[in-house]
ModelCIF file with pLDDT and N, C-alpha, C, O atoms, coordinates in Angstrom:
data_MODEL
#
_entry.id   MODEL 
#
_entity.id                         1 
_entity.type                       polymer 
_entity.pdbx_number_of_molecules   1 
#
_entity_poly.entity_id                      1 
_entity_poly.type                           'polypeptide(L)' 
_entity_poly.nstd_linkage                   no 
_entity_poly.nstd_monomer                   no 
_entity_poly.pdbx_seq_one_letter_code       FPGFTGKTCNQDLNECGLKPRPCEHRCMNTHGSYKCYCLNGYMLMPDG 
_entity_poly.pdbx_seq_one_letter_code_can   FPGFTGKTCNQDLNECGLKPRPCEHRCMNTHGSYKCYCLNGYMLMPDG 
_entity_poly.pdbx_strand_id                 A 
#
loop_
_entity_poly_seq.entity_id 
_entity_poly_seq.num 
_entity_poly_seq.mon_id 
_entity_poly_seq.hetero 
1 1  PHE n 
1 2  PRO n 
1 3  GLY n 
1 4  PHE n 
1 5  THR n 
1 6  GLY n 
1 7  LYS n 
1 8  THR n 
1 9  CYS n 
1 10 ASN n 
1 11 GLN n 
1 12 ASP n 
1 13 LEU n 
1 14 ASN n 
1 15 GLU n 
1 16 CYS n 
1 17 GLY n 
1 18 LEU n 
1 19 LYS n 
1 20 PRO n 
1 21 ARG n 
1 22 PRO n 
1 23 CYS n 
1 24 GLU n 
1 25 HIS n 
1 26 ARG n 
1 27 CYS n 
1 28 MET n 
1 29 ASN n 
1 30 THR n 
1 31 HIS n 
1 32 GLY n 
1 33 SER n 
1 34 TYR n 
1 35 LYS n 
1 36 CYS n 
1 37 TYR n 
1 38 CYS n 
1 39 LEU n 
1 40 ASN n 
1 41 GLY n 
1 42 TYR n 
1 43 MET n 
1 44 LEU n 
1 45 MET n 
1 46 PRO n 
1 47 ASP n 
1 48 GLY n 
#
_struct_asym.id          A 
_struct_asym.entity_id   1 
#
loop_
_ma_qa_metric.id 
_ma_qa_metric.mode 
_ma_qa_metric.name 
_ma_qa_metric.software_group_id 
_ma_qa_metric.type 
1 global pLDDT . pLDDT 
2 local  pLDDT . pLDDT 
#
_ma_qa_metric_global.metric_id      1 
_ma_qa_metric_global.metric_value   87.83 
_ma_qa_metric_global.model_id       1 
_ma_qa_metric_global.ordinal_id     1 
#
loop_
_ma_qa_metric_local.label_asym_id 
_ma_qa_metric_local.label_comp_id 
_ma_qa_metric_local.label_seq_id 
_ma_qa_metric_local.metric_id 
_ma_qa_metric_local.metric_value 
_ma_qa_metric_local.model_id 
_ma_qa_metric_local.ordinal_id 
A PHE 1  2 93.00 1 1  
A PRO 2  2 91.00 1 2  
A GLY 3  2 91.00 1 3  
A PHE 4  2 94.00 1 4  
A THR 5  2 92.00 1 5  
A GLY 6  2 91.00 1 6  
A LYS 7  2 91.00 1 7  
A THR 8  2 92.00 1 8  
A CYS 9  2 92.00 1 9  
A ASN 10 2 92.00 1 10 
A GLN 11 2 92.00 1 11 
A ASP 12 2 93.00 1 12 
A LEU 13 2 92.00 1 13 
A ASN 14 2 93.00 1 14 
A GLU 15 2 91.00 1 15 
A CYS 16 2 91.00 1 16 
A GLY 17 2 89.00 1 17 
A LEU 18 2 88.00 1 18 
A LYS 19 2 88.00 1 19 
A PRO 20 2 87.00 1 20 
A ARG 21 2 84.00 1 21 
A PRO 22 2 87.00 1 22 
A CYS 23 2 88.00 1 23 
A GLU 24 2 86.00 1 24 
A HIS 25 2 89.00 1 25 
A ARG 26 2 90.00 1 26 
A CYS 27 2 90.00 1 27 
A MET 28 2 90.00 1 28 
A ASN 29 2 91.00 1 29 
A THR 30 2 91.00 1 30 
A HIS 31 2 90.00 1 31 
A GLY 32 2 90.00 1 32 
A SER 33 2 91.00 1 33 
A TYR 34 2 91.00 1 34 
A LYS 35 2 91.00 1 35 
A CYS 36 2 90.00 1 36 
A TYR 37 2 89.00 1 37 
A CYS 38 2 88.00 1 38 
A LEU 39 2 85.00 1 39 
A ASN 40 2 80.00 1 40 
A GLY 41 2 73.00 1 41 
A TYR 42 2 78.00 1 42 
A MET 43 2 77.00 1 43 
A LEU 44 2 82.00 1 44 
A MET 45 2 79.00 1 45 
A PRO 46 2 78.00 1 46 
A ASP 47 2 78.00 1 47 
A GLY 48 2 77.00 1 48 
#
loop_
_atom_site.group_PDB 
_atom_site.id 
_atom_site.type_symbol 
_atom_site.label_atom_id 
_atom_site.label_alt_id 
_atom_site.label_comp_id 
_atom_site.label_asym_id 
_atom_site.label_entity_id 
_atom_site.label_seq_id 
_atom_site.pdbx_PDB_ins_code 
_atom_site.Cartn_x 
_atom_site.Cartn_y 
_atom_site.Cartn_z 
_atom_site.occupancy 
_atom_site.B_iso_or_equiv 
_atom_site.pdbx_formal_charge 
_atom_site.auth_seq_id 
_atom_site.auth_comp_id 
_atom_site.auth_asym_id 
_atom_site.auth_atom_id 
_atom_site.pdbx_PDB_model_num 
ATOM 1   N N  . PHE A 1 1  ? 0.863  -1.188 0.000  1.00 93.00 ? 1  PHE A N  1 
ATOM 2   C CA . PHE A 1 1  ? 0.000  0.000  0.000  1.00 93.00 ? 1  PHE A CA 1 
ATOM 3   C C  . PHE A 1 1  ? 0.902  1.242  0.000  1.00 93.00 ? 1  PHE A C  1 
ATOM 4   O O  . PHE A 1 1  ? 2.056  1.171  0.422  1.00 93.00 ? 1  PHE A O  1 
ATOM 5   N N  . PRO A 1 2  ? 0.375  2.376  -0.472 1.00 91.00 ? 2  PRO A N  1 
ATOM 6   C CA . PRO A 1 2  ? 1.206  3.593  -0.461 1.00 91.00 ? 2  PRO A CA 1 
ATOM 7   C C  . PRO A 1 2  ? 1.716  3.894  0.948  1.00 91.00 ? 2  PRO A C  1 
ATOM 8   O O  . PRO A 1 2  ? 0.954  3.814  1.912  1.00 91.00 ? 2  PRO A O  1 
ATOM 9   N N  . GLY A 1 3  ? 2.989  4.236  1.071  1.00 91.00 ? 3  GLY A N  1 
ATOM 10  C CA . GLY A 1 3  ? 3.582  4.590  2.365  1.00 91.00 ? 3  GLY A CA 1 
ATOM 11  C C  . GLY A 1 3  ? 4.314  3.444  3.029  1.00 91.00 ? 3  GLY A C  1 
ATOM 12  O O  . GLY A 1 3  ? 4.896  3.611  4.100  1.00 91.00 ? 3  GLY A O  1 
ATOM 13  N N  . PHE A 1 4  ? 4.287  2.234  2.375  1.00 94.00 ? 4  PHE A N  1 
ATOM 14  C CA . PHE A 1 4  ? 4.966  1.079  2.969  1.00 94.00 ? 4  PHE A CA 1 
ATOM 15  C C  . PHE A 1 4  ? 5.882  0.430  1.942  1.00 94.00 ? 4  PHE A C  1 
ATOM 16  O O  . PHE A 1 4  ? 5.689  0.560  0.733  1.00 94.00 ? 4  PHE A O  1 
ATOM 17  N N  . THR A 1 5  ? 6.903  -0.285 2.471  1.00 92.00 ? 5  THR A N  1 
ATOM 18  C CA . THR A 1 5  ? 7.891  -0.928 1.592  1.00 92.00 ? 5  THR A CA 1 
ATOM 19  C C  . THR A 1 5  ? 8.389  -2.214 2.259  1.00 92.00 ? 5  THR A C  1 
ATOM 20  O O  . THR A 1 5  ? 7.973  -2.553 3.367  1.00 92.00 ? 5  THR A O  1 
ATOM 21  N N  . GLY A 1 6  ? 9.266  -2.907 1.580  1.00 91.00 ? 6  GLY A N  1 
ATOM 22  C CA . GLY A 1 6  ? 9.849  -4.157 2.097  1.00 91.00 ? 6  GLY A CA 1 
ATOM 23  C C  . GLY A 1 6  ? 9.234  -5.356 1.411  1.00 91.00 ? 6  GLY A C  1 
ATOM 24  O O  . GLY A 1 6  ? 8.192  -5.259 0.763  1.00 91.00 ? 6  GLY A O  1 
ATOM 25  N N  . LYS A 1 7  ? 9.904  -6.499 1.568  1.00 91.00 ? 7  LYS A N  1 
ATOM 26  C CA . LYS A 1 7  ? 9.461  -7.740 0.918  1.00 91.00 ? 7  LYS A CA 1 
ATOM 27  C C  . LYS A 1 7  ? 8.066  -8.148 1.378  1.00 91.00 ? 7  LYS A C  1 
ATOM 28  O O  . LYS A 1 7  ? 7.279  -8.679 0.595  1.00 91.00 ? 7  LYS A O  1 
ATOM 29  N N  . THR A 1 8  ? 7.761  -7.896 2.658  1.00 92.00 ? 8  THR A N  1 
ATOM 30  C CA . THR A 1 8  ? 6.448  -8.264 3.190  1.00 92.00 ? 8  THR A CA 1 
ATOM 31  C C  . THR A 1 8  ? 5.614  -7.027 3.534  1.00 92.00 ? 8  THR A C  1 
ATOM 32  O O  . THR A 1 8  ? 4.630  -7.119 4.268  1.00 92.00 ? 8  THR A O  1 
ATOM 33  N N  . CYS A 1 9  ? 6.017  -5.863 2.995  1.00 92.00 ? 9  CYS A N  1 
ATOM 34  C CA . CYS A 1 9  ? 5.300  -4.580 3.215  1.00 92.00 ? 9  CYS A CA 1 
ATOM 35  C C  . CYS A 1 9  ? 5.136  -4.269 4.692  1.00 92.00 ? 9  CYS A C  1 
ATOM 36  O O  . CYS A 1 9  ? 4.095  -3.756 5.101  1.00 92.00 ? 9  CYS A O  1 
ATOM 37  N N  . ASN A 1 10 ? 6.151  -4.574 5.502  1.00 92.00 ? 10 ASN A N  1 
ATOM 38  C CA . ASN A 1 10 ? 6.054  -4.340 6.944  1.00 92.00 ? 10 ASN A CA 1 
ATOM 39  C C  . ASN A 1 10 ? 6.858  -3.114 7.386  1.00 92.00 ? 10 ASN A C  1 
ATOM 40  O O  . ASN A 1 10 ? 6.877  -2.764 8.566  1.00 92.00 ? 10 ASN A O  1 
ATOM 41  N N  . GLN A 1 11 ? 7.525  -2.463 6.416  1.00 92.00 ? 11 GLN A N  1 
ATOM 42  C CA . GLN A 1 11 ? 8.345  -1.299 6.769  1.00 92.00 ? 11 GLN A CA 1 
ATOM 43  C C  . GLN A 1 11 ? 7.668  -0.008 6.297  1.00 92.00 ? 11 GLN A C  1 
ATOM 44  O O  . GLN A 1 11 ? 7.081  0.057  5.217  1.00 92.00 ? 11 GLN A O  1 
ATOM 45  N N  . ASP A 1 12 ? 7.773  1.004  7.145  1.00 93.00 ? 12 ASP A N  1 
ATOM 46  C CA . ASP A 1 12 ? 7.244  2.323  6.789  1.00 93.00 ? 12 ASP A CA 1 
ATOM 47  C C  . ASP A 1 12 ? 8.187  2.959  5.773  1.00 93.00 ? 12 ASP A C  1 
ATOM 48  O O  . ASP A 1 12 ? 9.406  2.936  5.941  1.00 93.00 ? 12 ASP A O  1 
ATOM 49  N N  . LEU A 1 13 ? 7.612  3.520  4.729  1.00 92.00 ? 13 LEU A N  1 
ATOM 50  C CA . LEU A 1 13 ? 8.406  4.228  3.719  1.00 92.00 ? 13 LEU A CA 1 
ATOM 51  C C  . LEU A 1 13 ? 8.620  5.668  4.205  1.00 92.00 ? 13 LEU A C  1 
ATOM 52  O O  . LEU A 1 13 ? 7.654  6.361  4.522  1.00 92.00 ? 13 LEU A O  1 
ATOM 53  N N  . ASN A 1 14 ? 9.873  6.118  4.263  1.00 93.00 ? 14 ASN A N  1 
ATOM 54  C CA . ASN A 1 14 ? 10.161 7.492  4.672  1.00 93.00 ? 14 ASN A CA 1 
ATOM 55  C C  . ASN A 1 14 ? 10.050 8.387  3.443  1.00 93.00 ? 14 ASN A C  1 
ATOM 56  O O  . ASN A 1 14 ? 11.009 8.570  2.693  1.00 93.00 ? 14 ASN A O  1 
ATOM 57  N N  . GLU A 1 15 ? 8.838  8.946  3.256  1.00 91.00 ? 15 GLU A N  1 
ATOM 58  C CA . GLU A 1 15 ? 8.588  9.796  2.083  1.00 91.00 ? 15 GLU A CA 1 
ATOM 59  C C  . GLU A 1 15 ? 9.445  11.056 2.099  1.00 91.00 ? 15 GLU A C  1 
ATOM 60  O O  . GLU A 1 15 ? 9.742  11.623 1.048  1.00 91.00 ? 15 GLU A O  1 
ATOM 61  N N  . CYS A 1 16 ? 9.844  11.494 3.298  1.00 91.00 ? 16 CYS A N  1 
ATOM 62  C CA . CYS A 1 16 ? 10.639 12.725 3.418  1.00 91.00 ? 16 CYS A CA 1 
ATOM 63  C C  . CYS A 1 16 ? 12.026 12.566 2.788  1.00 91.00 ? 16 CYS A C  1 
ATOM 64  O O  . CYS A 1 16 ? 12.671 13.554 2.439  1.00 91.00 ? 16 CYS A O  1 
ATOM 65  N N  . GLY A 1 17 ? 12.470 11.340 2.650  1.00 89.00 ? 17 GLY A N  1 
ATOM 66  C CA . GLY A 1 17 ? 13.793 11.089 2.058  1.00 89.00 ? 17 GLY A CA 1 
ATOM 67  C C  . GLY A 1 17 ? 13.745 10.891 0.550  1.00 89.00 ? 17 GLY A C  1 
ATOM 68  O O  . GLY A 1 17 ? 14.786 10.712 -0.083 1.00 89.00 ? 17 GLY A O  1 
ATOM 69  N N  . LEU A 1 18 ? 12.556 10.921 -0.032 1.00 88.00 ? 18 LEU A N  1 
ATOM 70  C CA . LEU A 1 18 ? 12.432 10.699 -1.477 1.00 88.00 ? 18 LEU A CA 1 
ATOM 71  C C  . LEU A 1 18 ? 12.877 11.921 -2.264 1.00 88.00 ? 18 LEU A C  1 
ATOM 72  O O  . LEU A 1 18 ? 12.873 13.043 -1.757 1.00 88.00 ? 18 LEU A O  1 
ATOM 73  N N  . LYS A 1 19 ? 13.263 11.684 -3.517 1.00 88.00 ? 19 LYS A N  1 
ATOM 74  C CA . LYS A 1 19 ? 13.578 12.780 -4.447 1.00 88.00 ? 19 LYS A CA 1 
ATOM 75  C C  . LYS A 1 19 ? 12.574 12.694 -5.584 1.00 88.00 ? 19 LYS A C  1 
ATOM 76  O O  . LYS A 1 19 ? 12.399 11.594 -6.108 1.00 88.00 ? 19 LYS A O  1 
ATOM 77  N N  . PRO A 1 20 ? 11.900 13.751 -6.014 1.00 87.00 ? 20 PRO A N  1 
ATOM 78  C CA . PRO A 1 20 ? 11.926 15.065 -5.364 1.00 87.00 ? 20 PRO A CA 1 
ATOM 79  C C  . PRO A 1 20 ? 11.202 15.019 -4.020 1.00 87.00 ? 20 PRO A C  1 
ATOM 80  O O  . PRO A 1 20 ? 10.310 14.195 -3.818 1.00 87.00 ? 20 PRO A O  1 
ATOM 81  N N  . ARG A 1 21 ? 11.589 15.908 -3.104 1.00 84.00 ? 21 ARG A N  1 
ATOM 82  C CA . ARG A 1 21 ? 10.977 15.954 -1.774 1.00 84.00 ? 21 ARG A CA 1 
ATOM 83  C C  . ARG A 1 21 ? 9.487  16.275 -1.907 1.00 84.00 ? 21 ARG A C  1 
ATOM 84  O O  . ARG A 1 21 ? 9.109  17.117 -2.722 1.00 84.00 ? 21 ARG A O  1 
ATOM 85  N N  . PRO A 1 22 ? 8.645  15.618 -1.121 1.00 87.00 ? 22 PRO A N  1 
ATOM 86  C CA . PRO A 1 22 ? 7.200  15.858 -1.254 1.00 87.00 ? 22 PRO A CA 1 
ATOM 87  C C  . PRO A 1 22 ? 6.742  17.197 -0.639 1.00 87.00 ? 22 PRO A C  1 
ATOM 88  O O  . PRO A 1 22 ? 5.652  17.677 -0.950 1.00 87.00 ? 22 PRO A O  1 
ATOM 89  N N  . CYS A 1 23 ? 7.564  17.793 0.222  1.00 88.00 ? 23 CYS A N  1 
ATOM 90  C CA . CYS A 1 23 ? 7.184  19.054 0.876  1.00 88.00 ? 23 CYS A CA 1 
ATOM 91  C C  . CYS A 1 23 ? 8.152  20.162 0.475  1.00 88.00 ? 23 CYS A C  1 
ATOM 92  O O  . CYS A 1 23 ? 9.336  19.919 0.244  1.00 88.00 ? 23 CYS A O  1 
ATOM 93  N N  . GLU A 1 24 ? 7.621  21.391 0.397  1.00 86.00 ? 24 GLU A N  1 
ATOM 94  C CA . GLU A 1 24 ? 8.459  22.526 -0.018 1.00 86.00 ? 24 GLU A CA 1 
ATOM 95  C C  . GLU A 1 24 ? 9.407  22.966 1.089  1.00 86.00 ? 24 GLU A C  1 
ATOM 96  O O  . GLU A 1 24 ? 10.579 23.237 0.829  1.00 86.00 ? 24 GLU A O  1 
ATOM 97  N N  . HIS A 1 25 ? 8.899  23.040 2.351  1.00 89.00 ? 25 HIS A N  1 
ATOM 98  C CA . HIS A 1 25 ? 9.726  23.522 3.464  1.00 89.00 ? 25 HIS A CA 1 
ATOM 99  C C  . HIS A 1 25 ? 10.144 22.390 4.394  1.00 89.00 ? 25 HIS A C  1 
ATOM 100 O O  . HIS A 1 25 ? 11.288 21.937 4.353  1.00 89.00 ? 25 HIS A O  1 
ATOM 101 N N  . ARG A 1 26 ? 9.214  21.934 5.233  1.00 90.00 ? 26 ARG A N  1 
ATOM 102 C CA . ARG A 1 26 ? 9.553  20.908 6.225  1.00 90.00 ? 26 ARG A CA 1 
ATOM 103 C C  . ARG A 1 26 ? 8.668  19.688 6.048  1.00 90.00 ? 26 ARG A C  1 
ATOM 104 O O  . ARG A 1 26 ? 7.486  19.792 5.718  1.00 90.00 ? 26 ARG A O  1 
ATOM 105 N N  . CYS A 1 27 ? 9.276  18.517 6.279  1.00 90.00 ? 27 CYS A N  1 
ATOM 106 C CA . CYS A 1 27 ? 8.562  17.252 6.116  1.00 90.00 ? 27 CYS A CA 1 
ATOM 107 C C  . CYS A 1 27 ? 8.706  16.436 7.396  1.00 90.00 ? 27 CYS A C  1 
ATOM 108 O O  . CYS A 1 27 ? 9.781  16.391 7.995  1.00 90.00 ? 27 CYS A O  1 
ATOM 109 N N  . MET A 1 28 ? 7.613  15.789 7.814  1.00 90.00 ? 28 MET A N  1 
ATOM 110 C CA . MET A 1 28 ? 7.677  14.888 8.962  1.00 90.00 ? 28 MET A CA 1 
ATOM 111 C C  . MET A 1 28 ? 7.076  13.546 8.555  1.00 90.00 ? 28 MET A C  1 
ATOM 112 O O  . MET A 1 28 ? 5.927  13.460 8.122  1.00 90.00 ? 28 MET A O  1 
ATOM 113 N N  . ASN A 1 29 ? 7.880  12.513 8.708  1.00 91.00 ? 29 ASN A N  1 
ATOM 114 C CA . ASN A 1 29 ? 7.415  11.168 8.357  1.00 91.00 ? 29 ASN A CA 1 
ATOM 115 C C  . ASN A 1 29 ? 6.444  10.672 9.417  1.00 91.00 ? 29 ASN A C  1 
ATOM 116 O O  . ASN A 1 29 ? 6.674  10.859 10.612 1.00 91.00 ? 29 ASN A O  1 
ATOM 117 N N  . THR A 1 30 ? 5.351  10.036 8.977  1.00 91.00 ? 30 THR A N  1 
ATOM 118 C CA . THR A 1 30 ? 4.396  9.423  9.902  1.00 91.00 ? 30 THR A CA 1 
ATOM 119 C C  . THR A 1 30 ? 4.200  7.971  9.450  1.00 91.00 ? 30 THR A C  1 
ATOM 120 O O  . THR A 1 30 ? 4.658  7.586  8.375  1.00 91.00 ? 30 THR A O  1 
ATOM 121 N N  . HIS A 1 31 ? 3.527  7.180  10.264 1.00 90.00 ? 31 HIS A N  1 
ATOM 122 C CA . HIS A 1 31 ? 3.312  5.766  9.924  1.00 90.00 ? 31 HIS A CA 1 
ATOM 123 C C  . HIS A 1 31 ? 2.449  5.660  8.662  1.00 90.00 ? 31 HIS A C  1 
ATOM 124 O O  . HIS A 1 31 ? 1.258  5.971  8.683  1.00 90.00 ? 31 HIS A O  1 
ATOM 125 N N  . GLY A 1 32 ? 3.058  5.224  7.587  1.00 90.00 ? 32 GLY A N  1 
ATOM 126 C CA . GLY A 1 32 ? 2.346  5.025  6.329  1.00 90.00 ? 32 GLY A CA 1 
ATOM 127 C C  . GLY A 1 32 ? 2.102  6.298  5.546  1.00 90.00 ? 32 GLY A C  1 
ATOM 128 O O  . GLY A 1 32 ? 1.475  6.256  4.487  1.00 90.00 ? 32 GLY A O  1 
ATOM 129 N N  . SER A 1 33 ? 2.581  7.427  6.040  1.00 91.00 ? 33 SER A N  1 
ATOM 130 C CA . SER A 1 33 ? 2.334  8.685  5.345  1.00 91.00 ? 33 SER A CA 1 
ATOM 131 C C  . SER A 1 33 ? 3.390  9.717  5.745  1.00 91.00 ? 33 SER A C  1 
ATOM 132 O O  . SER A 1 33 ? 4.485  9.355  6.175  1.00 91.00 ? 33 SER A O  1 
ATOM 133 N N  . TYR A 1 34 ? 3.053  11.019 5.600  1.00 91.00 ? 34 TYR A N  1 
ATOM 134 C CA . TYR A 1 34 ? 3.948  12.118 5.972  1.00 91.00 ? 34 TYR A CA 1 
ATOM 135 C C  . TYR A 1 34 ? 3.110  13.382 6.129  1.00 91.00 ? 34 TYR A C  1 
ATOM 136 O O  . TYR A 1 34 ? 1.963  13.443 5.686  1.00 91.00 ? 34 TYR A O  1 
ATOM 137 N N  . LYS A 1 35 ? 3.702  14.386 6.766  1.00 91.00 ? 35 LYS A N  1 
ATOM 138 C CA . LYS A 1 35 ? 3.037  15.676 6.934  1.00 91.00 ? 35 LYS A CA 1 
ATOM 139 C C  . LYS A 1 35 ? 3.982  16.779 6.504  1.00 91.00 ? 35 LYS A C  1 
ATOM 140 O O  . LYS A 1 35 ? 5.183  16.724 6.769  1.00 91.00 ? 35 LYS A O  1 
ATOM 141 N N  . CYS A 1 36 ? 3.423  17.791 5.831  1.00 90.00 ? 36 CYS A N  1 
ATOM 142 C CA . CYS A 1 36 ? 4.217  18.950 5.418  1.00 90.00 ? 36 CYS A CA 1 
ATOM 143 C C  . CYS A 1 36 ? 3.974  20.114 6.386  1.00 90.00 ? 36 CYS A C  1 
ATOM 144 O O  . CYS A 1 36 ? 2.861  20.307 6.875  1.00 90.00 ? 36 CYS A O  1 
ATOM 145 N N  . TYR A 1 37 ? 5.017  20.872 6.649  1.00 89.00 ? 37 TYR A N  1 
ATOM 146 C CA . TYR A 1 37 ? 4.942  22.070 7.475  1.00 89.00 ? 37 TYR A CA 1 
ATOM 147 C C  . TYR A 1 37 ? 5.647  23.208 6.758  1.00 89.00 ? 37 TYR A C  1 
ATOM 148 O O  . TYR A 1 37 ? 6.544  22.990 5.943  1.00 89.00 ? 37 TYR A O  1 
ATOM 149 N N  . CYS A 1 38 ? 5.230  24.414 7.072  1.00 88.00 ? 38 CYS A N  1 
ATOM 150 C CA . CYS A 1 38 ? 5.864  25.591 6.466  1.00 88.00 ? 38 CYS A CA 1 
ATOM 151 C C  . CYS A 1 38 ? 6.596  26.398 7.526  1.00 88.00 ? 38 CYS A C  1 
ATOM 152 O O  . CYS A 1 38 ? 6.274  26.331 8.712  1.00 88.00 ? 38 CYS A O  1 
ATOM 153 N N  . LEU A 1 39 ? 7.580  27.158 7.082  1.00 85.00 ? 39 LEU A N  1 
ATOM 154 C CA . LEU A 1 39 ? 8.334  28.031 7.972  1.00 85.00 ? 39 LEU A CA 1 
ATOM 155 C C  . LEU A 1 39 ? 7.430  29.164 8.456  1.00 85.00 ? 39 LEU A C  1 
ATOM 156 O O  . LEU A 1 39 ? 6.368  29.405 7.883  1.00 85.00 ? 39 LEU A O  1 
ATOM 157 N N  . ASN A 1 40 ? 7.857  29.859 9.515  1.00 80.00 ? 40 ASN A N  1 
ATOM 158 C CA . ASN A 1 40 ? 7.092  30.984 10.059 1.00 80.00 ? 40 ASN A CA 1 
ATOM 159 C C  . ASN A 1 40 ? 6.849  32.038 8.987  1.00 80.00 ? 40 ASN A C  1 
ATOM 160 O O  . ASN A 1 40 ? 7.737  32.342 8.191  1.00 80.00 ? 40 ASN A O  1 
ATOM 161 N N  . GLY A 1 41 ? 5.636  32.594 8.971  1.00 73.00 ? 41 GLY A N  1 
ATOM 162 C CA . GLY A 1 41 ? 5.294  33.609 7.980  1.00 73.00 ? 41 GLY A CA 1 
ATOM 163 C C  . GLY A 1 41 ? 4.747  33.007 6.696  1.00 73.00 ? 41 GLY A C  1 
ATOM 164 O O  . GLY A 1 41 ? 4.416  33.732 5.758  1.00 73.00 ? 41 GLY A O  1 
ATOM 165 N N  . TYR A 1 42 ? 4.650  31.648 6.649  1.00 78.00 ? 42 TYR A N  1 
ATOM 166 C CA . TYR A 1 42 ? 4.110  30.961 5.467  1.00 78.00 ? 42 TYR A CA 1 
ATOM 167 C C  . TYR A 1 42 ? 2.987  30.052 5.896  1.00 78.00 ? 42 TYR A C  1 
ATOM 168 O O  . TYR A 1 42 ? 2.929  29.621 7.048  1.00 78.00 ? 42 TYR A O  1 
ATOM 169 N N  . MET A 1 43 ? 2.092  29.760 4.969  1.00 77.00 ? 43 MET A N  1 
ATOM 170 C CA . MET A 1 43 ? 1.013  28.827 5.286  1.00 77.00 ? 43 MET A CA 1 
ATOM 171 C C  . MET A 1 43 ? 0.937  27.737 4.220  1.00 77.00 ? 43 MET A C  1 
ATOM 172 O O  . MET A 1 43 ? 1.252  27.962 3.051  1.00 77.00 ? 43 MET A O  1 
ATOM 173 N N  . LEU A 1 44 ? 0.512  26.551 4.652  1.00 82.00 ? 44 LEU A N  1 
ATOM 174 C CA . LEU A 1 44 ? 0.438  25.394 3.778  1.00 82.00 ? 44 LEU A CA 1 
ATOM 175 C C  . LEU A 1 44 ? -0.767 25.509 2.855  1.00 82.00 ? 44 LEU A C  1 
ATOM 176 O O  . LEU A 1 44 ? -1.893 25.720 3.306  1.00 82.00 ? 44 LEU A O  1 
ATOM 177 N N  . MET A 1 45 ? -0.517 25.369 1.569  1.00 79.00 ? 45 MET A N  1 
ATOM 178 C CA . MET A 1 45 ? -1.588 25.419 0.584  1.00 79.00 ? 45 MET A CA 1 
ATOM 179 C C  . MET A 1 45 ? -2.082 23.991 0.303  1.00 79.00 ? 45 MET A C  1 
ATOM 180 O O  . MET A 1 45 ? -1.385 23.025 0.615  1.00 79.00 ? 45 MET A O  1 
ATOM 181 N N  . PRO A 1 46 ? -3.288 23.851 -0.288 1.00 78.00 ? 46 PRO A N  1 
ATOM 182 C CA . PRO A 1 46 ? -3.834 22.496 -0.531 1.00 78.00 ? 46 PRO A CA 1 
ATOM 183 C C  . PRO A 1 46 ? -2.920 21.612 -1.374 1.00 78.00 ? 46 PRO A C  1 
ATOM 184 O O  . PRO A 1 46 ? -2.941 20.390 -1.225 1.00 78.00 ? 46 PRO A O  1 
ATOM 185 N N  . ASP A 1 47 ? -2.112 22.214 -2.264 1.00 78.00 ? 47 ASP A N  1 
ATOM 186 C CA . ASP A 1 47 ? -1.237 21.394 -3.121 1.00 78.00 ? 47 ASP A CA 1 
ATOM 187 C C  . ASP A 1 47 ? 0.101  21.062 -2.457 1.00 78.00 ? 47 ASP A C  1 
ATOM 188 O O  . ASP A 1 47 ? 0.983  20.493 -3.100 1.00 78.00 ? 47 ASP A O  1 
ATOM 189 N N  . GLY A 1 48 ? 0.261  21.418 -1.159 1.00 77.00 ? 48 GLY A N  1 
ATOM 190 C CA . GLY A 1 48 ? 1.480  21.074 -0.435 1.00 77.00 ? 48 GLY A CA 1 
ATOM 191 C C  . GLY A 1 48 ? 2.558  22.145 -0.507 1.00 77.00 ? 48 GLY A C  1 
ATOM 192 O O  . GLY A 1 48 ? 3.636  21.975 0.063  1.00 77.00 ? 48 GLY A O  1 
#
């Protein structure tokens, strides 16, 4: 499923380490997914 890897799909995929990076400013890996954050003075838009 998206966000997982390994021979038996038991490992979380660290999307923050992928190229190109999925987030413009800051990325936080979560179980099976990730979250984007913006620096101070910026706000996250729907497209990331």
